[in-house]
PDB file of N, CA and C in Angstrom:
ATOM      1  N   MET A   1     140.170  80.943  80.893  1.00  0.00           N
ATOM      2  CA  MET A   1     139.746  81.199  82.352  1.00  0.00           C
ATOM      3  C   MET A   1     138.328  81.751  82.488  1.00  0.00           C
ATOM      4  N   LYS A   2     137.285  81.494  82.911  1.00  0.00           N
ATOM      5  CA  LYS A   2     136.345  81.893  83.451  1.00  0.00           C
ATOM      6  C   LYS A   2     136.040  83.131  84.317  1.00  0.00           C
ATOM      7  N   GLU A   3     135.041  83.918  84.057  1.00  0.00           N
ATOM      8  CA  GLU A   3     134.909  85.105  84.782  1.00  0.00           C
ATOM      9  C   GLU A   3     134.925  84.840  86.460  1.00  0.00           C
ATOM     10  N   ASP A   4     134.541  83.813  86.940  1.00  0.00           N
ATOM     11  CA  ASP A   4     134.447  83.219  88.268  1.00  0.00           C
ATOM     12  C   ASP A   4     135.760  83.320  88.963  1.00  0.00           C
ATOM     13  N   GLU A   5     136.459  82.407  87.908  1.00  0.00           N
ATOM     14  CA  GLU A   5     137.954  82.110  88.472  1.00  0.00           C
ATOM     15  C   GLU A   5     138.654  83.359  88.424  1.00  0.00           C
ATOM     16  N   ILE A   6     138.464  84.120  87.559  1.00  0.00           N
ATOM     17  CA  ILE A   6     139.223  85.533  87.678  1.00  0.00           C
ATOM     18  C   ILE A   6     138.606  86.229  88.989  1.00  0.00           C
ATOM     19  N   LEU A   7     137.297  86.389  89.217  1.00  0.00           N
ATOM     20  CA  LEU A   7     137.269  87.026  90.535  1.00  0.00           C
ATOM     21  C   LEU A   7     137.250  86.206  91.850  1.00  0.00           C
ATOM     22  N   ASP A   8     137.581  84.988  91.414  1.00  0.00           N
ATOM     23  CA  ASP A   8     138.249  84.300  93.145  1.00  0.00           C
ATOM     24  C   ASP A   8     139.704  84.098  93.082  1.00  0.00           C
ATOM     25  N   LYS A   9     140.431  84.862  92.102  1.00  0.00           N
ATOM     26  CA  LYS A   9     141.738  84.570  92.322  1.00  0.00           C
ATOM     27  C   LYS A   9     142.413  85.559  93.234  1.00  0.00           C
ATOM     28  N   PRO A  10     141.882  86.947  93.515  1.00  0.00           N
ATOM     29  CA  PRO A  10     142.497  87.461  94.576  1.00  0.00           C
ATOM     30  C   PRO A  10     142.498  86.668  95.661  1.00  0.00           C
ATOM     31  N   LEU A  11     141.369  85.966  96.110  1.00  0.00           N
ATOM     32  CA  LEU A  11     141.100  85.242  97.260  1.00  0.00           C
ATOM     33  C   LEU A  11     142.259  84.265  97.607  1.00  0.00           C
ATOM     34  N   GLU A  12     142.321  83.640  96.257  1.00  0.00           N
ATOM     35  CA  GLU A  12     143.681  82.612  96.186  1.00  0.00           C
ATOM     36  C   GLU A  12     145.037  83.162  96.593  1.00  0.00           C
ATOM     37  N   LEU A  13     145.282  84.033  95.989  1.00  0.00           N
ATOM     38  CA  LEU A  13     146.325  84.997  96.654  1.00  0.00           C
ATOM     39  C   LEU A  13     146.736  85.620  97.663  1.00  0.00           C
ATOM     40  N   GLU A  14     145.752  85.548  98.758  1.00  0.00           N
ATOM     41  CA  GLU A  14     145.827  85.747  99.988  1.00  0.00           C
ATOM     42  C   GLU A  14     147.459  85.256 100.571  1.00  0.00           C
ATOM     43  N   ALA A  15     147.722  84.432 100.730  1.00  0.00           N
ATOM     44  CA  ALA A  15     148.839  83.700 101.117  1.00  0.00           C
ATOM     45  C   ALA A  15     150.375  84.349 100.249  1.00  0.00           C
ATOM     46  N   GLU A  16     150.248  84.384  99.260  1.00  0.00           N
ATOM     47  CA  GLU A  16     151.218  84.875  98.415  1.00  0.00           C
ATOM     48  C   GLU A  16     151.410  86.531  98.389  1.00  0.00           C
ATOM     49  N   MET A  17     150.317  87.050  98.904  1.00  0.00           N
ATOM     50  CA  MET A  17     150.452  88.815  98.894  1.00  0.00           C
ATOM     51  C   MET A  17     150.687  88.941 100.309  1.00  0.00           C
ATOM     52  N   ARG A  18     150.930  87.904 101.415  1.00  0.00           N
ATOM     53  CA  ARG A  18     151.222  88.354 102.557  1.00  0.00           C
ATOM     54  C   ARG A  18     152.818  89.223 102.702  1.00  0.00           C
ATOM     55  N   PRO A  19     153.935  88.647 101.894  1.00  0.00           N
ATOM     56  CA  PRO A  19     155.035  89.413 102.219  1.00  0.00           C
ATOM     57  C   PRO A  19     154.970  90.949 101.749  1.00  0.00           C
ATOM     58  N   LEU A  20     153.934  91.255 100.798  1.00  0.00           N
ATOM     59  CA  LEU A  20     153.590  92.554 100.469  1.00  0.00           C
ATOM     60  C   LEU A  20     153.030  93.186 101.543  1.00  0.00           C
ATOM     61  N   ASN A  21     152.123  92.564 102.159  1.00  0.00           N
ATOM     62  CA  ASN A  21     151.446  93.194 103.601  1.00  0.00           C
ATOM     63  C   ASN A  21     152.152  93.520 104.234  1.00  0.00           C
ATOM     64  N   TRP A  22     153.399  92.761 104.777  1.00  0.00           N
ATOM     65  CA  TRP A  22     154.521  92.901 105.585  1.00  0.00           C
ATOM     66  C   TRP A  22     154.966  93.943 105.116  1.00  0.00           C
ATOM     67  N   LEU A  23     155.472  94.496 103.748  1.00  0.00           N
ATOM     68  CA  LEU A  23     156.272  95.775 103.531  1.00  0.00           C
ATOM     69  C   LEU A  23     155.225  96.597 103.827  1.00  0.00           C
ATOM     70  N   PHE A  24     154.173  96.668 103.795  1.00  0.00           N
ATOM     71  CA  PHE A  24     153.121  97.728 104.020  1.00  0.00           C
ATOM     72  C   PHE A  24     153.373  98.000 105.337  1.00  0.00           C
ATOM     73  N   TYR A  25     153.389  97.275 106.156  1.00  0.00           N
ATOM     74  CA  TYR A  25     153.433  97.191 107.873  1.00  0.00           C
ATOM     75  C   TYR A  25     154.462  97.792 108.076  1.00  0.00           C
ATOM     76  N   MET A  26     155.666  97.432 107.843  1.00  0.00           N
ATOM     77  CA  MET A  26     157.099  97.901 108.059  1.00  0.00           C
ATOM     78  C   MET A  26     157.085  99.424 107.576  1.00  0.00           C
ATOM     79  N   ALA A  27     156.747  99.781 106.661  1.00  0.00           N
ATOM     80  CA  ALA A  27     156.660 101.229 106.108  1.00  0.00           C
ATOM     81  C   ALA A  27     155.814 102.087 106.865  1.00  0.00           C
ATOM     82  N   SER A  28     154.718 101.457 107.357  1.00  0.00           N
ATOM     83  CA  SER A  28     153.809 102.286 108.304  1.00  0.00           C
ATOM     84  C   SER A  28     154.584 102.455 109.451  1.00  0.00           C
ATOM     85  N   PHE A  29     155.259 101.301 110.171  1.00  0.00           N
ATOM     86  CA  PHE A  29     155.963 101.340 111.437  1.00  0.00           C
ATOM     87  C   PHE A  29     157.159 102.594 111.068  1.00  0.00           C
ATOM     88  N   PHE A  30     157.839 102.452 110.179  1.00  0.00           N
ATOM     89  CA  PHE A  30     158.710 103.525 109.973  1.00  0.00           C
ATOM     90  C   PHE A  30     158.127 105.031 110.022  1.00  0.00           C
ATOM     91  N   LEU A  31     157.138 104.802 109.285  1.00  0.00           N
ATOM     92  CA  LEU A  31     156.438 106.354 109.011  1.00  0.00           C
ATOM     93  C   LEU A  31     156.163 106.893 110.450  1.00  0.00           C
ATOM     94  N   LEU A  32     155.474 106.032 111.389  1.00  0.00           N
ATOM     95  CA  LEU A  32     155.052 106.502 112.693  1.00  0.00           C
ATOM     96  C   LEU A  32     156.379 106.751 113.315  1.00  0.00           C
ATOM     97  N   LEU A  33     157.375 105.888 113.498  1.00  0.00           N
ATOM     98  CA  LEU A  33     158.589 106.258 114.050  1.00  0.00           C
ATOM     99  C   LEU A  33     159.063 107.639 113.539  1.00  0.00           C
ATOM    100  N   ARG A  34     159.155 108.006 112.478  1.00  0.00           N
ATOM    101  CA  ARG A  34     159.636 109.210 112.123  1.00  0.00           C
ATOM    102  C   ARG A  34     158.902 110.124 112.579  1.00  0.00           C
ATOM    103  N   PHE A  35     157.368 110.200 112.779  1.00  0.00           N
ATOM    104  CA  PHE A  35     156.475 111.200 113.448  1.00  0.00           C
ATOM    105  C   PHE A  35     157.084 111.344 114.622  1.00  0.00           C
ATOM    106  N   LEU A  36     157.440 110.276 115.499  1.00  0.00           N
ATOM    107  CA  LEU A  36     157.636 110.272 117.080  1.00  0.00           C
ATOM    108  C   LEU A  36     159.412 111.036 116.960  1.00  0.00           C
ATOM    109  N   PHE A  37     160.207 110.605 116.203  1.00  0.00           N
ATOM    110  CA  PHE A  37     161.208 111.200 115.862  1.00  0.00           C
ATOM    111  C   PHE A  37     161.571 113.284 115.863  1.00  0.00           C
ATOM    112  N   ALA A  38     160.522 113.162 115.061  1.00  0.00           N
ATOM    113  CA  ALA A  38     160.565 114.547 114.555  1.00  0.00           C
ATOM    114  C   ALA A  38     159.611 115.466 115.721  1.00  0.00           C
ATOM    115  N   TYR A  39     158.453 114.850 116.119  1.00  0.00           N
ATOM    116  CA  TYR A  39     157.995 115.575 117.550  1.00  0.00           C
ATOM    117  C   TYR A  39     159.001 115.448 118.617  1.00  0.00           C
ATOM    118  N   MET A  40     159.517 114.829 119.100  1.00  0.00           N
ATOM    119  CA  MET A  40     160.773 114.529 119.750  1.00  0.00           C
ATOM    120  C   MET A  40     162.110 115.488 119.692  1.00  0.00           C
ATOM    121  N   HIS A  41     162.216 115.961 118.257  1.00  0.00           N
ATOM    122  CA  HIS A  41     163.228 116.653 117.864  1.00  0.00           C
ATOM    123  C   HIS A  41     164.654 115.986 118.158  1.00  0.00           C
ATOM    124  N   TRP A  42     164.778 114.436 117.810  1.00  0.00           N
ATOM    125  CA  TRP A  42     165.556 113.864 117.775  1.00  0.00           C
ATOM    126  C   TRP A  42     166.127 113.612 116.255  1.00  0.00           C
ATOM    127  N   PRO A  43     167.380 113.227 116.246  1.00  0.00           N
ATOM    128  CA  PRO A  43     168.220 113.246 114.988  1.00  0.00           C
ATOM    129  C   PRO A  43     167.718 111.870 114.108  1.00  0.00           C
ATOM    130  N   TYR A  44     167.872 111.838 112.792  1.00  0.00           N
ATOM    131  CA  TYR A  44     167.646 111.196 111.526  1.00  0.00           C
ATOM    132  C   TYR A  44     166.221 110.846 111.543  1.00  0.00           C
ATOM    133  N   SER A  45     165.170 111.740 111.938  1.00  0.00           N
ATOM    134  CA  SER A  45     163.699 111.703 111.075  1.00  0.00           C
ATOM    135  C   SER A  45     163.519 111.656 110.230  1.00  0.00           C
ATOM    136  N   SER A  46     164.411 112.494 109.342  1.00  0.00           N
ATOM    137  CA  SER A  46     164.431 112.630 107.653  1.00  0.00           C
ATOM    138  C   SER A  46     164.748 111.297 107.068  1.00  0.00           C
ATOM    139  N   TYR A  47     165.738 110.491 107.611  1.00  0.00           N
ATOM    140  CA  TYR A  47     166.199 109.430 107.158  1.00  0.00           C
ATOM    141  C   TYR A  47     165.109 108.362 107.286  1.00  0.00           C
ATOM    142  N   LEU A  48     164.069 108.281 108.684  1.00  0.00           N
ATOM    143  CA  LEU A  48     163.261 107.512 108.261  1.00  0.00           C
ATOM    144  C   LEU A  48     162.058 107.820 107.586  1.00  0.00           C
ATOM    145  N   LEU A  49     161.661 109.214 107.071  1.00  0.00           N
ATOM    146  CA  LEU A  49     160.786 109.633 105.884  1.00  0.00           C
ATOM    147  C   LEU A  49     161.261 108.896 104.788  1.00  0.00           C
ATOM    148  N   VAL A  50     162.681 109.130 104.326  1.00  0.00           N
ATOM    149  CA  VAL A  50     162.809 108.415 103.062  1.00  0.00           C
ATOM    150  C   VAL A  50     162.833 106.793 103.024  1.00  0.00           C
ATOM    151  N   ILE A  51     162.877 106.397 104.356  1.00  0.00           N
ATOM    152  CA  ILE A  51     162.943 105.140 104.100  1.00  0.00           C
ATOM    153  C   ILE A  51     161.350 104.357 103.904  1.00  0.00           C
ATOM    154  N   SER A  52     160.776 105.306 104.770  1.00  0.00           N
ATOM    155  CA  SER A  52     159.411 104.571 104.528  1.00  0.00           C
ATOM    156  C   SER A  52     158.491 104.982 103.408  1.00  0.00           C
ATOM    157  N   GLY A  53     159.051 106.133 102.540  1.00  0.00           N
ATOM    158  CA  GLY A  53     158.745 106.237 101.416  1.00  0.00           C
ATOM    159  C   GLY A  53     159.006 105.650 100.258  1.00  0.00           C
ATOM    160  N   LEU A  54     160.290 104.918 100.514  1.00  0.00           N
ATOM    161  CA  LEU A  54     160.920 104.194  99.504  1.00  0.00           C
ATOM    162  C   LEU A  54     159.941 102.833  99.477  1.00  0.00           C
ATOM    163  N   MET A  55     159.739 102.456 100.961  1.00  0.00           N
ATOM    164  CA  MET A  55     159.065 101.077 101.235  1.00  0.00           C
ATOM    165  C   MET A  55     157.562 101.139 100.463  1.00  0.00           C
ATOM    166  N   TYR A  56     156.893 102.258 100.712  1.00  0.00           N
ATOM    167  CA  TYR A  56     155.884 102.613 100.080  1.00  0.00           C
ATOM    168  C   TYR A  56     155.724 102.372  98.565  1.00  0.00           C
ATOM    169  N   GLU A  57     157.147 103.249  98.198  1.00  0.00           N
ATOM    170  CA  GLU A  57     157.000 103.197  96.692  1.00  0.00           C
ATOM    171  C   GLU A  57     157.127 101.686  96.169  1.00  0.00           C
ATOM    172  N   ILE A  58     157.793 100.872  96.662  1.00  0.00           N
ATOM    173  CA  ILE A  58     158.247  99.388  96.409  1.00  0.00           C
ATOM    174  C   ILE A  58     156.795  98.336  96.489  1.00  0.00           C
ATOM    175  N   PHE A  59     156.159  99.144  97.778  1.00  0.00           N
ATOM    176  CA  PHE A  59     154.867  98.166  98.057  1.00  0.00           C
ATOM    177  C   PHE A  59     153.645  98.577  96.731  1.00  0.00           C
ATOM    178  N   SER A  60     153.639  99.729  96.442  1.00  0.00           N
ATOM    179  CA  SER A  60     153.011 100.350  95.233  1.00  0.00           C
ATOM    180  C   SER A  60     153.094  99.500  94.035  1.00  0.00           C
ATOM    181  N   ILE A  61     154.355  99.643  93.720  1.00  0.00           N
ATOM    182  CA  ILE A  61     154.956  99.242  92.270  1.00  0.00           C
ATOM    183  C   ILE A  61     154.980  97.596  92.539  1.00  0.00           C
ATOM    184  N   LEU A  62     155.141  96.766  93.434  1.00  0.00           N
ATOM    185  CA  LEU A  62     154.833  95.377  93.365  1.00  0.00           C
ATOM    186  C   LEU A  62     153.036  95.024  93.497  1.00  0.00           C
ATOM    187  N   ARG A  63     152.461  95.886  93.968  1.00  0.00           N
ATOM    188  CA  ARG A  63     151.200  95.570  94.060  1.00  0.00           C
ATOM    189  C   ARG A  63     150.443  95.556  92.688  1.00  0.00           C
ATOM    190  N   LEU A  64     151.179  96.906  92.079  1.00  0.00           N
ATOM    191  CA  LEU A  64     150.526  97.090  90.629  1.00  0.00           C
ATOM    192  C   LEU A  64     150.888  95.948  89.843  1.00  0.00           C
ATOM    193  N   LEU A  65     151.926  95.288  89.751  1.00  0.00           N
ATOM    194  CA  LEU A  65     152.546  94.166  88.991  1.00  0.00           C
ATOM    195  C   LEU A  65     151.898  93.134  89.369  1.00  0.00           C
ATOM    196  N   TYR A  66     151.753  92.660  90.636  1.00  0.00           N
ATOM    197  CA  TYR A  66     151.500  91.356  90.721  1.00  0.00           C
ATOM    198  C   TYR A  66     149.780  90.993  91.262  1.00  0.00           C
ATOM    199  N   TYR A  67     149.247  92.093  91.552  1.00  0.00           N
ATOM    200  CA  TYR A  67     147.827  91.981  91.941  1.00  0.00           C
ATOM    201  C   TYR A  67     147.175  91.531  90.740  1.00  0.00           C
ATOM    202  N   PRO A  68     146.486  90.267  90.414  1.00  0.00           N
ATOM    203  CA  PRO A  68     145.853  90.159  89.429  1.00  0.00           C
ATOM    204  C   PRO A  68     144.424  90.861  88.487  1.00  0.00           C
ATOM    205  N   LYS A  69     143.722  91.180  89.481  1.00  0.00           N
ATOM    206  CA  LYS A  69     142.620  91.988  88.914  1.00  0.00           C
ATOM    207  C   LYS A  69     142.833  93.462  89.081  1.00  0.00           C
ATOM    208  N   LYS A  70     143.019  94.223  88.146  1.00  0.00           N
ATOM    209  CA  LYS A  70     143.159  95.610  88.396  1.00  0.00           C
ATOM    210  C   LYS A  70     142.232  96.538  87.492  1.00  0.00           C
ATOM    211  N   THR A  71     141.542  97.060  88.076  1.00  0.00           N
ATOM    212  CA  THR A  71     140.397  97.967  87.514  1.00  0.00           C
ATOM    213  C   THR A  71     141.592  99.446  86.735  1.00  0.00           C
ATOM    214  N   LEU A  72     140.865 100.000  85.719  1.00  0.00           N
ATOM    215  CA  LEU A  72     141.241 101.467  85.434  1.00  0.00           C
ATOM    216  C   LEU A  72     142.045 102.356  86.245  1.00  0.00           C
ATOM    217  N   PHE A  73     140.735 102.266  87.336  1.00  0.00           N
ATOM    218  CA  PHE A  73     140.964 103.601  88.685  1.00  0.00           C
ATOM    219  C   PHE A  73     142.192 103.328  89.570  1.00  0.00           C
ATOM    220  N   GLN A  74     142.532 101.536  89.624  1.00  0.00           N
ATOM    221  CA  GLN A  74     143.423 101.287  90.215  1.00  0.00           C
ATOM    222  C   GLN A  74     144.696 101.450  89.807  1.00  0.00           C
ATOM    223  N   ILE A  75     144.802 101.446  88.701  1.00  0.00           N
ATOM    224  CA  ILE A  75     146.346 101.773  87.848  1.00  0.00           C
ATOM    225  C   ILE A  75     146.432 103.246  87.897  1.00  0.00           C
ATOM    226  N   TYR A  76     145.395 103.942  87.751  1.00  0.00           N
ATOM    227  CA  TYR A  76     145.717 105.596  87.695  1.00  0.00           C
ATOM    228  C   TYR A  76     145.927 105.685  89.071  1.00  0.00           C
ATOM    229  N   SER A  77     145.442 105.065  90.172  1.00  0.00           N
ATOM    230  CA  SER A  77     145.829 105.739  91.579  1.00  0.00           C
ATOM    231  C   SER A  77     146.949 105.091  91.990  1.00  0.00           C
ATOM    232  N   TYR A  78     147.635 103.920  91.631  1.00  0.00           N
ATOM    233  CA  TYR A  78     148.643 103.454  92.152  1.00  0.00           C
ATOM    234  C   TYR A  78     150.037 104.636  91.188  1.00  0.00           C
ATOM    235  N   VAL A  79     149.435 105.039  89.828  1.00  0.00           N
ATOM    236  CA  VAL A  79     150.471 105.681  89.070  1.00  0.00           C
ATOM    237  C   VAL A  79     150.696 106.944  90.008  1.00  0.00           C
ATOM    238  N   PHE A  80     149.478 107.532  90.236  1.00  0.00           N
ATOM    239  CA  PHE A  80     149.515 108.598  91.421  1.00  0.00           C
ATOM    240  C   PHE A  80     150.368 108.440  92.402  1.00  0.00           C
ATOM    241  N   PHE A  81     150.198 107.675  93.384  1.00  0.00           N
ATOM    242  CA  PHE A  81     150.920 107.691  94.392  1.00  0.00           C
ATOM    243  C   PHE A  81     152.320 107.156  93.934  1.00  0.00           C
ATOM    244  N   ILE A  82     152.687 106.666  93.171  1.00  0.00           N
ATOM    245  CA  ILE A  82     153.774 106.453  92.605  1.00  0.00           C
ATOM    246  C   ILE A  82     154.789 107.824  92.253  1.00  0.00           C
ATOM    247  N   LEU A  83     154.146 109.046  92.086  1.00  0.00           N
ATOM    248  CA  LEU A  83     154.530 110.219  91.988  1.00  0.00           C
ATOM    249  C   LEU A  83     154.315 111.069  92.962  1.00  0.00           C
ATOM    250  N   VAL A  84     153.393 111.011  93.661  1.00  0.00           N
ATOM    251  CA  VAL A  84     152.856 111.799  94.767  1.00  0.00           C
ATOM    252  C   VAL A  84     153.990 111.518  95.945  1.00  0.00           C
ATOM    253  N   ILE A  85     154.221 110.100  96.439  1.00  0.00           N
ATOM    254  CA  ILE A  85     155.174 110.163  97.477  1.00  0.00           C
ATOM    255  C   ILE A  85     156.490 110.713  97.592  1.00  0.00           C
ATOM    256  N   PRO A  86     157.172 110.208  96.087  1.00  0.00           N
ATOM    257  CA  PRO A  86     158.453 110.972  95.937  1.00  0.00           C
ATOM    258  C   PRO A  86     158.283 112.546  95.783  1.00  0.00           C
ATOM    259  N   GLY A  87     157.453 112.823  95.368  1.00  0.00           N
ATOM    260  CA  GLY A  87     157.196 114.390  95.190  1.00  0.00           C
ATOM    261  C   GLY A  87     157.064 115.287  96.559  1.00  0.00           C
ATOM    262  N   PHE A  88     156.431 114.686  97.517  1.00  0.00           N
ATOM    263  CA  PHE A  88     156.275 114.934  98.898  1.00  0.00           C
ATOM    264  C   PHE A  88     157.773 115.006  99.618  1.00  0.00           C
ATOM    265  N   ILE A  89     158.434 113.929  99.463  1.00  0.00           N
ATOM    266  CA  ILE A  89     159.629 113.664 100.455  1.00  0.00           C
ATOM    267  C   ILE A  89     160.584 114.626  99.515  1.00  0.00           C
ATOM    268  N   PHE A  90     160.786 114.895  98.166  1.00  0.00           N
ATOM    269  CA  PHE A  90     161.650 115.605  97.660  1.00  0.00           C
ATOM    270  C   PHE A  90     161.079 116.871  98.172  1.00  0.00           C
ATOM    271  N   ASP A  91     159.829 117.603  98.528  1.00  0.00           N
ATOM    272  CA  ASP A  91     159.577 119.041  98.801  1.00  0.00           C
ATOM    273  C   ASP A  91     159.739 119.067 100.159  1.00  0.00           C
ATOM    274  N   TYR A  92     160.000 118.400 101.057  1.00  0.00           N
ATOM    275  CA  TYR A  92     160.116 118.054 102.479  1.00  0.00           C
ATOM    276  C   TYR A  92     161.679 118.071 102.590  1.00  0.00           C
ATOM    277  N   MET A  93     162.296 117.441 101.891  1.00  0.00           N
ATOM    278  CA  MET A  93     163.847 117.725 102.206  1.00  0.00           C
ATOM    279  C   MET A  93     164.442 118.521 101.341  1.00  0.00           C
ATOM    280  N   TYR A  94     163.608 119.729 100.400  1.00  0.00           N
ATOM    281  CA  TYR A  94     164.037 120.467  99.776  1.00  0.00           C
ATOM    282  C   TYR A  94     165.084 119.950  98.678  1.00  0.00           C
ATOM    283  N   TRP A  95     164.842 118.900  98.029  1.00  0.00           N
ATOM    284  CA  TRP A  95     165.676 118.492  96.926  1.00  0.00           C
ATOM    285  C   TRP A  95     165.087 118.751  95.439  1.00  0.00           C
ATOM    286  N   PRO A  96     165.939 118.884  94.620  1.00  0.00           N
ATOM    287  CA  PRO A  96     165.336 119.563  93.317  1.00  0.00           C
ATOM    288  C   PRO A  96     164.284 118.495  92.591  1.00  0.00           C
ATOM    289  N   GLY A  97     163.668 118.934  91.849  1.00  0.00           N
ATOM    290  CA  GLY A  97     162.582 117.819  91.045  1.00  0.00           C
ATOM    291  C   GLY A  97     161.516 117.861  91.935  1.00  0.00           C
ATOM    292  N   ALA A  98     161.024 118.278  92.900  1.00  0.00           N
ATOM    293  CA  ALA A  98     159.872 118.192  93.515  1.00  0.00           C
ATOM    294  C   ALA A  98     158.603 118.464  92.818  1.00  0.00           C
ATOM    295  N   ARG A  99     159.005 119.736  92.510  1.00  0.00           N
ATOM    296  CA  ARG A  99     157.599 120.248  91.660  1.00  0.00           C
ATOM    297  C   ARG A  99     157.247 119.456  90.554  1.00  0.00           C
ATOM    298  N   VAL A 100     158.249 118.964  89.765  1.00  0.00           N
ATOM    299  CA  VAL A 100     157.912 118.372  88.426  1.00  0.00           C
ATOM    300  C   VAL A 100     157.150 117.103  89.034  1.00  0.00           C
ATOM    301  N   LEU A 101     157.565 116.413  89.774  1.00  0.00           N
ATOM    302  CA  LEU A 101     157.017 114.967  90.418  1.00  0.00           C
ATOM    303  C   LEU A 101     155.656 115.419  90.945  1.00  0.00           C
ATOM    304  N   LEU A 102     155.354 116.771  91.738  1.00  0.00           N
ATOM    305  CA  LEU A 102     153.704 116.623  91.764  1.00  0.00           C
ATOM    306  C   LEU A 102     153.083 117.504  90.811  1.00  0.00           C
ATOM    307  N   TYR A 103     153.611 118.185  89.832  1.00  0.00           N
ATOM    308  CA  TYR A 103     152.845 118.476  88.753  1.00  0.00           C
ATOM    309  C   TYR A 103     152.567 117.364  87.802  1.00  0.00           C
ATOM    310  N   MET A 104     153.609 116.391  87.884  1.00  0.00           N
ATOM    311  CA  MET A 104     153.077 115.300  87.194  1.00  0.00           C
ATOM    312  C   MET A 104     151.930 114.517  87.513  1.00  0.00           C
ATOM    313  N   ALA A 105     152.245 114.171  88.833  1.00  0.00           N
ATOM    314  CA  ALA A 105     150.995 113.679  89.674  1.00  0.00           C
ATOM    315  C   ALA A 105     149.810 114.331  89.644  1.00  0.00           C
ATOM    316  N   ALA A 106     149.596 115.705  89.906  1.00  0.00           N
ATOM    317  CA  ALA A 106     148.662 116.696  89.482  1.00  0.00           C
ATOM    318  C   ALA A 106     147.854 115.999  88.048  1.00  0.00           C
ATOM    319  N   SER A 107     148.643 116.002  87.621  1.00  0.00           N
ATOM    320  CA  SER A 107     148.069 115.519  86.078  1.00  0.00           C
ATOM    321  C   SER A 107     147.293 114.331  85.719  1.00  0.00           C
ATOM    322  N   ILE A 108     147.529 113.592  86.895  1.00  0.00           N
ATOM    323  CA  ILE A 108     147.189 112.036  86.415  1.00  0.00           C
ATOM    324  C   ILE A 108     145.375 111.827  86.737  1.00  0.00           C
ATOM    325  N   PRO A 109     144.737 112.860  87.811  1.00  0.00           N
ATOM    326  CA  PRO A 109     143.477 112.891  87.967  1.00  0.00           C
ATOM    327  C   PRO A 109     143.015 113.175  86.915  1.00  0.00           C
ATOM    328  N   LEU A 110     143.375 114.665  85.957  1.00  0.00           N
ATOM    329  CA  LEU A 110     142.855 115.060  85.192  1.00  0.00           C
ATOM    330  C   LEU A 110     142.838 113.989  83.795  1.00  0.00           C
ATOM    331  N   ILE A 111     143.808 113.345  83.535  1.00  0.00           N
ATOM    332  CA  ILE A 111     143.918 112.138  82.407  1.00  0.00           C
ATOM    333  C   ILE A 111     142.998 111.174  82.668  1.00  0.00           C
ATOM    334  N   PHE A 112     142.563 110.877  84.101  1.00  0.00           N
ATOM    335  CA  PHE A 112     141.853 109.772  84.378  1.00  0.00           C
ATOM    336  C   PHE A 112     140.224 110.165  84.181  1.00  0.00           C
ATOM    337  N   PHE A 113     140.013 111.680  84.568  1.00  0.00           N
ATOM    338  CA  PHE A 113     138.473 111.626  84.539  1.00  0.00           C
ATOM    339  C   PHE A 113     138.052 112.098  83.386  1.00  0.00           C
ATOM    340  N   GLY A 114     139.383 112.584  82.601  1.00  0.00           N
ATOM    341  CA  GLY A 114     139.231 113.160  81.127  1.00  0.00           C
ATOM    342  C   GLY A 114     139.076 111.732  80.050  1.00  0.00           C
ATOM    343  N   HIS A 115     139.713 110.819  80.373  1.00  0.00           N
ATOM    344  CA  HIS A 115     139.295 109.558  79.999  1.00  0.00           C
ATOM    345  C   HIS A 115     138.051 108.882  80.031  1.00  0.00           C
ATOM    346  N   ALA A 116     137.588 109.120  81.754  1.00  0.00           N
ATOM    347  CA  ALA A 116     136.577 108.387  82.155  1.00  0.00           C
ATOM    348  C   ALA A 116     135.195 109.268  81.359  1.00  0.00           C
ATOM    349  N   GLY A 117     135.376 110.616  81.163  1.00  0.00           N
ATOM    350  CA  GLY A 117     134.261 111.317  80.485  1.00  0.00           C
ATOM    351  C   GLY A 117     134.272 111.165  79.081  1.00  0.00           C
ATOM    352  N   ILE A 118     135.186 110.962  78.328  1.00  0.00           N
ATOM    353  CA  ILE A 118     135.309 110.697  76.863  1.00  0.00           C
ATOM    354  C   ILE A 118     134.661 109.208  76.696  1.00  0.00           C
ATOM    355  N   MET A 119     134.908 108.500  77.871  1.00  0.00           N
ATOM    356  CA  MET A 119     134.398 106.913  77.329  1.00  0.00           C
ATOM    357  C   MET A 119     132.657 106.683  77.469  1.00  0.00           C
ATOM    358  N   LYS A 120     132.702 107.794  78.640  1.00  0.00           N
ATOM    359  CA  LYS A 120     131.045 107.833  78.712  1.00  0.00           C
ATOM    360  C   LYS A 120     130.239 108.500  77.797  1.00  0.00           C
ATOM    361  N   LEU A 121     130.895 109.865  76.805  1.00  0.00           N
ATOM    362  CA  LEU A 121     130.301 110.203  76.064  1.00  0.00           C
ATOM    363  C   LEU A 121     130.196 109.710  74.837  1.00  0.00           C
ATOM    364  N   ARG A 122     131.381 108.683  74.349  1.00  0.00           N
ATOM    365  CA  ARG A 122     131.082 107.771  73.337  1.00  0.00           C
ATOM    366  C   ARG A 122     130.041 106.906  73.390  1.00  0.00           C
ATOM    367  N   LYS A 123     129.569 106.347  74.810  1.00  0.00           N
ATOM    368  CA  LYS A 123     128.460 105.372  74.977  1.00  0.00           C
ATOM    369  C   LYS A 123     127.342 105.796  74.273  1.00  0.00           C
TER     370      LYS A 123
END
């Protein structure tokens, strides 16, 4: 495959990526609905937070797996958000394991910038 074909492939996959976009829109809707429920002190706002967080997780994982052109920064950022979103949900819901997820997520930028720095020094 030529380099031009690789660069044009994300544009060709727009129609195939629409279900992923709908998943993102639904997760955003549930998150906004969660803020409305929390502001009005209605029940089930915490369930909406968990549902929207799970939908964002599924979106991030599917986008990481199926998006054809990935840079190293995109891979690190997806792994970061795959760890941060459940970490914040676990912390908000007072579930165990929140600190572990957040510490693992905090190490991702250190790994990325350390890797980028080492690669820059090698050149």
